[in-house]
N, C-alpha and C. Protein backbone atom coordinates (compact mmCIF):
# COMPACT_ATOMS: atom_id res chain seq x y z
N UNK A 1 -91.89 32.91 -177.21
CA UNK A 1 -92.84 31.86 -176.23
C UNK A 1 -93.73 31.30 -177.44
N UNK A 2 -94.18 32.36 -178.32
CA UNK A 2 -95.38 31.82 -179.23
C UNK A 2 -94.48 30.58 -180.32
N UNK A 3 -93.53 30.94 -180.80
CA UNK A 3 -92.82 30.04 -181.69
C UNK A 3 -92.46 28.65 -180.91
N UNK A 4 -91.66 28.73 -179.71
CA UNK A 4 -91.66 27.72 -178.59
C UNK A 4 -93.04 26.49 -178.36
N UNK A 5 -93.92 27.33 -178.14
CA UNK A 5 -95.14 26.72 -177.99
C UNK A 5 -95.73 26.07 -179.50
N UNK A 6 -95.81 26.66 -180.19
CA UNK A 6 -95.78 26.11 -181.92
C UNK A 6 -95.46 25.11 -182.02
N UNK A 7 -93.41 25.01 -181.97
CA UNK A 7 -92.91 24.06 -182.03
C UNK A 7 -93.07 22.63 -181.44
N UNK A 8 -93.45 23.10 -180.05
CA UNK A 8 -93.44 21.98 -178.99
C UNK A 8 -95.14 21.43 -179.32
N UNK A 9 -95.73 21.85 -179.46
CA UNK A 9 -97.11 21.39 -180.01
C UNK A 9 -97.10 20.48 -181.17
N UNK A 10 -96.46 21.01 -182.22
CA UNK A 10 -96.22 20.18 -183.49
C UNK A 10 -95.36 18.67 -183.23
N UNK A 11 -94.71 18.76 -182.34
CA UNK A 11 -93.77 17.14 -182.13
C UNK A 11 -94.78 16.15 -181.77
N UNK A 12 -95.70 16.35 -180.62
CA UNK A 12 -96.81 15.14 -180.66
C UNK A 12 -97.95 15.08 -181.98
N UNK A 13 -98.23 16.30 -182.62
CA UNK A 13 -98.64 15.99 -183.80
C UNK A 13 -98.19 15.28 -184.81
N UNK A 14 -97.13 15.33 -184.98
CA UNK A 14 -96.12 14.32 -185.98
C UNK A 14 -96.02 12.55 -185.61
N UNK A 15 -95.91 13.07 -184.36
CA UNK A 15 -95.90 11.63 -183.30
C UNK A 15 -97.41 10.83 -183.63
N UNK A 16 -98.41 11.90 -183.51
CA UNK A 16 -99.85 11.01 -183.84
C UNK A 16 -100.09 10.49 -185.55
N UNK A 17 -99.35 11.13 -186.08
CA UNK A 17 -99.39 10.64 -187.59
C UNK A 17 -98.60 9.60 -187.74
N UNK A 18 -97.21 9.35 -187.11
CA UNK A 18 -96.38 8.10 -187.03
C UNK A 18 -97.12 7.35 -186.64
N UNK A 19 -97.97 7.34 -185.33
CA UNK A 19 -98.34 5.95 -184.65
C UNK A 19 -99.52 5.65 -185.41
N UNK A 20 -100.25 6.25 -186.15
CA UNK A 20 -101.21 5.86 -187.28
C UNK A 20 -100.77 4.86 -187.95
N UNK A 21 -99.59 5.11 -188.97
CA UNK A 21 -98.80 5.01 -190.19
C UNK A 21 -98.12 3.62 -189.63
N UNK A 22 -97.44 3.63 -188.41
CA UNK A 22 -97.17 2.31 -187.66
C UNK A 22 -97.76 1.13 -187.51
N UNK A 23 -98.98 1.77 -187.02
CA UNK A 23 -100.34 0.81 -186.90
C UNK A 23 -100.64 -0.14 -188.02
N UNK A 24 -100.71 1.11 -189.08
CA UNK A 24 -101.07 0.24 -190.64
C UNK A 24 -100.10 -0.49 -191.00
N UNK A 25 -98.75 -0.30 -191.10
CA UNK A 25 -97.75 -0.63 -191.40
C UNK A 25 -97.80 -2.32 -190.39
N UNK A 26 -98.02 -1.93 -189.48
CA UNK A 26 -97.95 -3.55 -188.35
C UNK A 26 -99.01 -4.37 -188.98
N UNK A 27 -99.98 -4.06 -189.56
CA UNK A 27 -101.16 -4.82 -190.04
C UNK A 27 -102.63 -4.68 -188.74
N UNK A 28 -102.39 -3.80 -187.89
CA UNK A 28 -103.52 -3.46 -187.35
C UNK A 28 -104.53 -3.46 -187.92
N UNK A 29 -105.77 -4.33 -187.81
CA UNK A 29 -107.11 -4.49 -188.58
C UNK A 29 -107.87 -2.88 -188.15
N UNK A 30 -107.91 -2.57 -187.63
CA UNK A 30 -108.65 -1.39 -187.24
C UNK A 30 -107.89 -0.14 -187.56
N UNK A 31 -107.00 -0.28 -188.08
CA UNK A 31 -106.43 1.13 -188.82
C UNK A 31 -106.07 1.19 -190.31
N UNK A 32 -106.92 1.96 -190.97
CA UNK A 32 -107.03 1.70 -192.12
C UNK A 32 -106.05 2.88 -192.74
N UNK A 33 -105.62 2.60 -194.30
CA UNK A 33 -104.81 3.45 -195.10
C UNK A 33 -105.82 4.59 -195.32
N UNK A 34 -107.16 4.89 -195.09
CA UNK A 34 -107.94 5.81 -195.24
C UNK A 34 -108.19 6.64 -193.83
N UNK A 35 -108.18 6.21 -192.78
CA UNK A 35 -108.11 6.72 -191.75
C UNK A 35 -106.59 7.16 -191.33
N UNK A 36 -105.33 6.86 -191.41
CA UNK A 36 -104.06 7.48 -191.72
C UNK A 36 -103.94 8.97 -192.46
N UNK A 37 -105.13 8.49 -193.84
CA UNK A 37 -104.90 9.57 -194.38
C UNK A 37 -105.45 10.81 -193.94
N UNK A 38 -106.81 10.35 -193.35
CA UNK A 38 -107.68 11.31 -192.88
C UNK A 38 -106.90 12.17 -191.86
N UNK A 39 -106.42 11.50 -190.89
CA UNK A 39 -105.56 12.56 -189.84
C UNK A 39 -104.40 13.40 -190.46
N UNK A 40 -103.49 12.31 -191.44
CA UNK A 40 -102.76 13.48 -192.08
C UNK A 40 -103.40 14.68 -192.65
N UNK A 41 -104.75 14.52 -193.43
CA UNK A 41 -105.38 15.45 -193.98
C UNK A 41 -105.35 16.43 -193.03
N UNK A 42 -106.17 16.23 -192.21
CA UNK A 42 -106.53 16.77 -190.67
C UNK A 42 -105.35 17.98 -190.43
N UNK A 43 -104.53 17.26 -189.98
CA UNK A 43 -103.24 17.84 -189.42
C UNK A 43 -102.35 19.06 -190.43
N UNK A 44 -102.55 18.55 -191.62
CA UNK A 44 -101.80 19.28 -192.19
C UNK A 44 -102.73 20.47 -192.83
N UNK A 45 -104.06 20.51 -193.06
CA UNK A 45 -104.99 21.95 -193.10
C UNK A 45 -104.52 23.15 -191.87
N UNK A 46 -104.53 22.17 -190.76
CA UNK A 46 -104.29 23.02 -189.85
C UNK A 46 -102.89 23.77 -189.51
N UNK A 47 -102.16 23.14 -190.03
CA UNK A 47 -100.74 23.48 -190.15
C UNK A 47 -100.76 24.94 -191.02
N UNK A 48 -101.44 25.29 -191.69
CA UNK A 48 -101.51 26.64 -192.45
C UNK A 48 -101.66 27.47 -191.90
N UNK A 49 -102.74 27.72 -191.16
CA UNK A 49 -102.83 28.77 -189.75
C UNK A 49 -101.96 28.84 -189.01
N UNK A 50 -101.54 27.64 -188.39
CA UNK A 50 -100.44 27.62 -187.30
C UNK A 50 -98.93 28.12 -188.13
N UNK A 51 -98.81 27.98 -189.23
CA UNK A 51 -97.55 28.79 -189.71
C UNK A 51 -97.98 30.00 -189.71
N UNK A 52 -98.87 30.65 -190.00
CA UNK A 52 -99.47 31.97 -189.92
C UNK A 52 -99.46 32.77 -188.84
N UNK A 53 -99.51 31.79 -187.85
CA UNK A 53 -99.51 32.63 -186.39
C UNK A 53 -98.09 32.67 -186.06
N UNK A 54 -97.32 31.99 -186.71
CA UNK A 54 -96.08 32.32 -186.23
C UNK A 54 -95.18 33.50 -187.34
N UNK A 55 -95.63 33.20 -188.59
CA UNK A 55 -95.14 34.18 -189.42
C UNK A 55 -95.53 35.62 -189.12
N UNK A 56 -96.81 35.71 -189.14
CA UNK A 56 -97.63 37.23 -189.14
C UNK A 56 -97.19 37.81 -187.71
N UNK A 57 -97.06 37.73 -186.84
CA UNK A 57 -96.08 38.57 -185.78
C UNK A 57 -94.61 38.58 -185.84
N UNK A 58 -93.80 37.63 -186.38
CA UNK A 58 -92.69 37.78 -186.75
C UNK A 58 -92.57 39.01 -187.87
N UNK A 59 -93.48 38.87 -188.95
CA UNK A 59 -93.52 40.10 -189.68
C UNK A 59 -93.86 41.32 -189.38
N UNK A 60 -94.93 41.45 -188.42
CA UNK A 60 -95.40 42.71 -187.44
C UNK A 60 -94.13 43.11 -186.79
N UNK A 61 -93.32 42.38 -185.93
CA UNK A 61 -91.96 42.94 -185.49
C UNK A 61 -90.98 43.37 -186.29
N UNK A 62 -90.91 43.34 -187.66
CA UNK A 62 -90.05 44.35 -188.44
C UNK A 62 -89.21 43.07 -189.23
N UNK A 63 -89.52 41.57 -189.24
CA UNK A 63 -88.48 40.72 -189.94
C UNK A 63 -89.37 40.83 -191.31
N UNK A 64 -88.33 40.61 -192.10
CA UNK A 64 -88.21 40.63 -193.73
C UNK A 64 -89.59 39.33 -194.18
N UNK A 65 -90.54 39.45 -195.10
CA UNK A 65 -91.39 38.69 -195.79
C UNK A 65 -90.81 37.10 -195.67
N UNK A 66 -89.79 37.32 -196.08
CA UNK A 66 -89.31 35.88 -196.24
C UNK A 66 -88.48 35.04 -194.98
N UNK A 67 -88.00 35.97 -194.40
CA UNK A 67 -87.74 35.26 -192.96
C UNK A 67 -88.98 34.91 -192.52
N UNK A 68 -89.66 35.90 -192.36
CA UNK A 68 -90.98 35.14 -191.40
C UNK A 68 -91.97 34.21 -191.88
N UNK A 69 -91.74 34.49 -193.41
CA UNK A 69 -92.24 32.93 -193.92
C UNK A 69 -91.58 31.67 -193.68
N UNK A 70 -90.15 31.73 -193.63
CA UNK A 70 -89.52 30.56 -193.33
C UNK A 70 -89.30 30.37 -191.66
N UNK A 71 -89.60 31.16 -190.97
CA UNK A 71 -89.88 30.70 -189.32
C UNK A 71 -90.96 30.20 -189.25
N UNK A 72 -92.18 30.84 -190.05
CA UNK A 72 -93.44 29.82 -190.09
C UNK A 72 -93.23 28.32 -190.27
N UNK A 73 -92.72 28.03 -191.49
CA UNK A 73 -92.57 26.67 -191.89
C UNK A 73 -91.60 26.13 -191.04
N UNK A 74 -90.66 26.70 -190.65
CA UNK A 74 -89.62 25.62 -189.95
C UNK A 74 -90.30 25.17 -188.71
N UNK A 75 -91.27 26.01 -187.83
CA UNK A 75 -91.80 25.73 -186.70
C UNK A 75 -92.51 24.09 -187.07
N UNK A 76 -93.03 24.01 -188.45
CA UNK A 76 -93.52 22.44 -188.47
C UNK A 76 -92.69 21.61 -188.93
N UNK A 77 -91.29 21.83 -188.84
CA UNK A 77 -90.16 20.90 -189.69
C UNK A 77 -90.38 19.89 -188.54
N UNK A 78 -90.76 20.09 -187.31
CA UNK A 78 -90.29 18.99 -186.34
C UNK A 78 -91.53 17.58 -186.46
N UNK A 79 -92.44 18.16 -187.24
CA UNK A 79 -93.76 17.30 -187.45
C UNK A 79 -93.23 15.76 -188.25
N UNK A 80 -92.62 16.26 -189.45
CA UNK A 80 -92.14 14.89 -190.09
C UNK A 80 -91.22 13.99 -189.31
N UNK A 81 -90.26 14.57 -188.86
CA UNK A 81 -89.12 14.32 -188.03
C UNK A 81 -89.92 13.35 -186.86
N UNK A 82 -90.84 14.03 -186.01
CA UNK A 82 -91.65 13.21 -185.28
C UNK A 82 -92.44 11.87 -185.73
N UNK A 83 -92.91 12.07 -186.94
CA UNK A 83 -93.56 10.80 -187.43
C UNK A 83 -92.71 9.84 -187.71
N UNK A 84 -91.32 10.23 -188.15
CA UNK A 84 -90.66 9.07 -188.59
C UNK A 84 -89.83 8.46 -187.46
N UNK A 85 -89.44 9.24 -186.55
CA UNK A 85 -88.91 8.62 -185.00
C UNK A 85 -89.80 7.86 -184.44
N UNK A 86 -91.49 8.30 -184.78
CA UNK A 86 -92.34 7.45 -183.79
C UNK A 86 -92.57 6.09 -184.72
N UNK A 87 -92.62 6.21 -186.25
CA UNK A 87 -92.66 5.01 -186.79
C UNK A 87 -91.51 4.06 -186.30
N UNK A 88 -90.04 4.38 -186.33
CA UNK A 88 -89.08 3.82 -186.02
C UNK A 88 -89.16 2.96 -184.54
N UNK A 89 -89.76 3.42 -183.42
CA UNK A 89 -89.92 3.49 -182.52
C UNK A 89 -91.26 3.44 -181.51
N UNK A 90 -92.11 2.81 -182.64
CA UNK A 90 -93.53 2.49 -182.25
C UNK A 90 -93.57 1.96 -180.83
N UNK A 91 -93.00 0.89 -180.86
CA UNK A 91 -93.56 0.28 -179.78
C UNK A 91 -93.22 1.05 -178.16
N UNK A 92 -92.11 1.85 -178.07
CA UNK A 92 -91.90 2.66 -176.78
C UNK A 92 -92.67 3.93 -176.74
N UNK A 93 -92.97 4.45 -177.78
CA UNK A 93 -93.83 5.76 -177.91
C UNK A 93 -95.41 5.63 -177.88
N UNK A 94 -95.87 4.54 -178.37
CA UNK A 94 -97.40 4.64 -178.27
C UNK A 94 -97.94 4.46 -176.90
N UNK A 95 -97.37 3.76 -176.13
CA UNK A 95 -98.06 3.94 -174.86
C UNK A 95 -98.14 5.40 -174.23
N UNK A 96 -97.19 6.13 -174.46
CA UNK A 96 -96.96 7.60 -174.00
C UNK A 96 -97.81 8.62 -174.77
N UNK A 97 -98.31 8.02 -176.20
CA UNK A 97 -98.77 8.94 -176.88
C UNK A 97 -100.17 9.87 -176.29
N UNK A 98 -100.90 8.93 -175.36
CA UNK A 98 -101.88 10.25 -174.71
C UNK A 98 -101.15 11.31 -174.14
N UNK A 99 -100.59 11.13 -173.19
CA UNK A 99 -99.92 12.09 -172.44
C UNK A 99 -99.20 13.31 -173.31
N UNK A 100 -98.17 13.09 -174.23
CA UNK A 100 -97.50 13.71 -175.03
C UNK A 100 -98.86 15.07 -176.12
N UNK A 101 -99.84 14.03 -176.40
CA UNK A 101 -100.97 15.02 -177.10
C UNK A 101 -101.88 15.83 -176.11
N UNK A 102 -101.60 15.06 -175.16
CA UNK A 102 -102.45 16.07 -174.15
C UNK A 102 -101.53 17.50 -173.65
N UNK A 103 -100.05 17.16 -173.39
CA UNK A 103 -99.18 18.21 -173.79
C UNK A 103 -99.32 19.16 -174.67
N UNK A 104 -99.59 18.75 -175.85
CA UNK A 104 -99.34 19.47 -177.11
C UNK A 104 -100.78 20.12 -177.23
N UNK A 105 -101.93 19.41 -176.70
CA UNK A 105 -103.20 20.68 -176.52
C UNK A 105 -103.10 21.60 -175.59
N UNK A 106 -102.74 21.28 -174.29
CA UNK A 106 -102.22 22.24 -173.55
C UNK A 106 -101.64 23.27 -173.70
N UNK A 107 -100.36 23.09 -174.75
CA UNK A 107 -99.54 24.21 -175.06
C UNK A 107 -100.53 25.14 -176.30
N UNK A 108 -100.76 24.31 -176.96
CA UNK A 108 -101.59 25.37 -178.07
C UNK A 108 -102.75 26.00 -177.41
N UNK A 109 -103.99 25.36 -176.48
CA UNK A 109 -104.74 26.04 -175.71
C UNK A 109 -104.10 27.33 -175.00
N UNK A 110 -103.01 27.08 -174.33
CA UNK A 110 -102.77 28.38 -173.62
C UNK A 110 -102.11 29.37 -174.52
N UNK A 111 -101.65 29.22 -175.43
CA UNK A 111 -101.34 30.34 -176.31
C UNK A 111 -102.44 30.53 -176.97
N UNK A 112 -103.34 29.98 -177.31
CA UNK A 112 -104.60 30.48 -177.96
C UNK A 112 -105.24 31.50 -176.96
N UNK A 113 -105.59 31.28 -175.89
CA UNK A 113 -106.29 31.74 -174.93
C UNK A 113 -105.56 33.27 -174.35
N UNK A 114 -104.09 32.99 -174.10
CA UNK A 114 -103.35 34.35 -173.67
C UNK A 114 -102.80 35.07 -174.96
N UNK A 115 -102.70 34.54 -175.90
CA UNK A 115 -102.26 35.64 -176.96
C UNK A 115 -103.30 35.85 -177.95
N UNK A 116 -103.84 34.57 -178.84
CA UNK A 116 -104.39 35.02 -179.76
C UNK A 116 -106.31 35.49 -180.14
N UNK A 117 -106.68 34.69 -178.72
CA UNK A 117 -107.95 35.55 -178.82
C UNK A 117 -108.12 36.88 -178.38
N UNK A 118 -107.10 37.19 -177.22
CA UNK A 118 -107.03 39.14 -176.93
C UNK A 118 -106.69 39.87 -178.06
N UNK A 119 -105.55 39.36 -179.12
CA UNK A 119 -105.33 39.81 -180.09
C UNK A 119 -106.39 40.22 -181.18
N UNK A 120 -106.94 39.09 -181.13
CA UNK A 120 -108.27 38.85 -182.47
C UNK A 120 -109.22 39.91 -182.31
N UNK A 121 -109.51 40.04 -181.00
CA UNK A 121 -110.57 40.83 -180.34
C UNK A 121 -110.48 42.50 -180.68
N UNK A 122 -109.24 42.78 -180.88
CA UNK A 122 -108.96 44.01 -180.83
C UNK A 122 -109.02 44.59 -182.23
N UNK A 123 -109.72 45.94 -182.36
CA UNK A 123 -109.34 46.77 -183.56
C UNK A 123 -110.76 46.85 -184.21
N UNK A 124 -110.98 47.55 -185.44
CA UNK A 124 -112.28 47.13 -185.79
C UNK A 124 -112.61 46.40 -186.76
N UNK A 125 -112.15 45.14 -187.30
CA UNK A 125 -112.61 44.03 -187.63
C UNK A 125 -112.62 42.88 -186.71
N UNK A 126 -112.79 43.13 -185.84
CA UNK A 126 -112.65 41.69 -184.83
C UNK A 126 -113.69 40.62 -185.36
N UNK A 127 -114.93 40.98 -185.74
CA UNK A 127 -115.98 40.41 -186.22
C UNK A 127 -115.03 38.99 -187.33
N UNK A 128 -114.23 39.62 -187.97
CA UNK A 128 -113.61 38.58 -189.16
C UNK A 128 -113.05 37.51 -188.34
N UNK A 129 -112.37 37.93 -187.47
CA UNK A 129 -111.55 36.78 -186.56
C UNK A 129 -112.57 35.91 -186.21
N UNK A 130 -113.88 36.14 -185.56
CA UNK A 130 -115.01 35.23 -185.15
C UNK A 130 -115.39 34.51 -186.08
N UNK A 131 -115.30 35.04 -187.17
CA UNK A 131 -116.26 34.43 -188.75
C UNK A 131 -115.13 33.15 -188.98
N UNK A 132 -114.14 33.33 -188.81
CA UNK A 132 -112.80 32.29 -189.50
C UNK A 132 -112.34 31.23 -188.30
N UNK A 133 -113.19 31.69 -187.04
CA UNK A 133 -112.75 30.56 -186.11
C UNK A 133 -114.05 29.74 -186.21
N UNK A 134 -114.95 30.41 -186.56
CA UNK A 134 -116.48 29.49 -186.72
C UNK A 134 -116.23 28.64 -187.89
N UNK A 135 -115.53 29.33 -189.18
CA UNK A 135 -115.33 28.72 -190.23
C UNK A 135 -114.52 27.42 -190.06
N UNK A 136 -113.45 27.53 -189.42
CA UNK A 136 -112.02 26.84 -189.01
C UNK A 136 -113.04 25.38 -188.39
N UNK A 137 -113.69 25.81 -187.15
CA UNK A 137 -114.16 24.86 -186.72
C UNK A 137 -115.02 23.86 -187.35
N UNK A 138 -115.90 24.82 -188.08
CA UNK A 138 -116.93 23.95 -188.81
C UNK A 138 -116.31 22.90 -189.85
N UNK A 139 -114.97 23.35 -190.84
CA UNK A 139 -114.58 22.38 -191.50
C UNK A 139 -113.74 21.32 -190.84
N UNK A 140 -113.02 21.34 -189.52
CA UNK A 140 -112.70 20.49 -188.82
C UNK A 140 -113.73 19.24 -188.65
N UNK A 141 -114.86 19.82 -188.10
CA UNK A 141 -116.18 18.94 -188.03
C UNK A 141 -116.55 18.26 -188.89
N UNK A 142 -116.88 18.91 -190.24
CA UNK A 142 -117.28 18.35 -191.40
C UNK A 142 -115.97 16.95 -191.91
N UNK A 143 -115.03 17.19 -191.68
CA UNK A 143 -113.69 16.46 -191.99
C UNK A 143 -113.86 15.20 -190.99
N UNK A 144 -114.04 15.51 -189.68
CA UNK A 144 -114.06 14.44 -188.77
C UNK A 144 -115.20 13.55 -189.16
N UNK A 145 -116.34 14.02 -189.19
CA UNK A 145 -117.66 13.33 -189.61
C UNK A 145 -117.52 12.50 -190.99
N UNK A 146 -116.71 13.15 -191.94
CA UNK A 146 -116.99 12.79 -193.54
C UNK A 146 -115.65 11.54 -193.37
N UNK A 147 -114.43 11.93 -192.88
CA UNK A 147 -113.55 10.82 -192.95
C UNK A 147 -113.25 9.95 -191.83
N UNK A 148 -114.28 9.82 -190.80
CA UNK A 148 -114.36 9.06 -189.91
C UNK A 148 -113.44 9.02 -188.97
């Protein structure tokens, strides 16, 4: 369920990147290359923990390190595919993007609330998860303000 949720979540993320680049390539004056790069960078940064979200449970269930790593990596392979398809079909997909992004956000929030937060809160080192949550949130807010 976790692999499917993260993979489904990554499709609209790739589409969001594709829309921004499609807008820039078509000459939309409100979309700059720096804005497209900022979005790409923010999504790329948050893809590292997403890959870990997939890899670590696979590893704890007995899968080998290499296979677990590849599983986490492959969950994100749909992003560049989604971006390329969106650039190619920008006129059709751009109007539906808010709904697709809402679906992606909902899927990820469900996984976080249902699976990750309860798991993070167990054990003797539960405060480390809370600290890293705060650091990650703060980093994304700094990027949002700094990069526009």
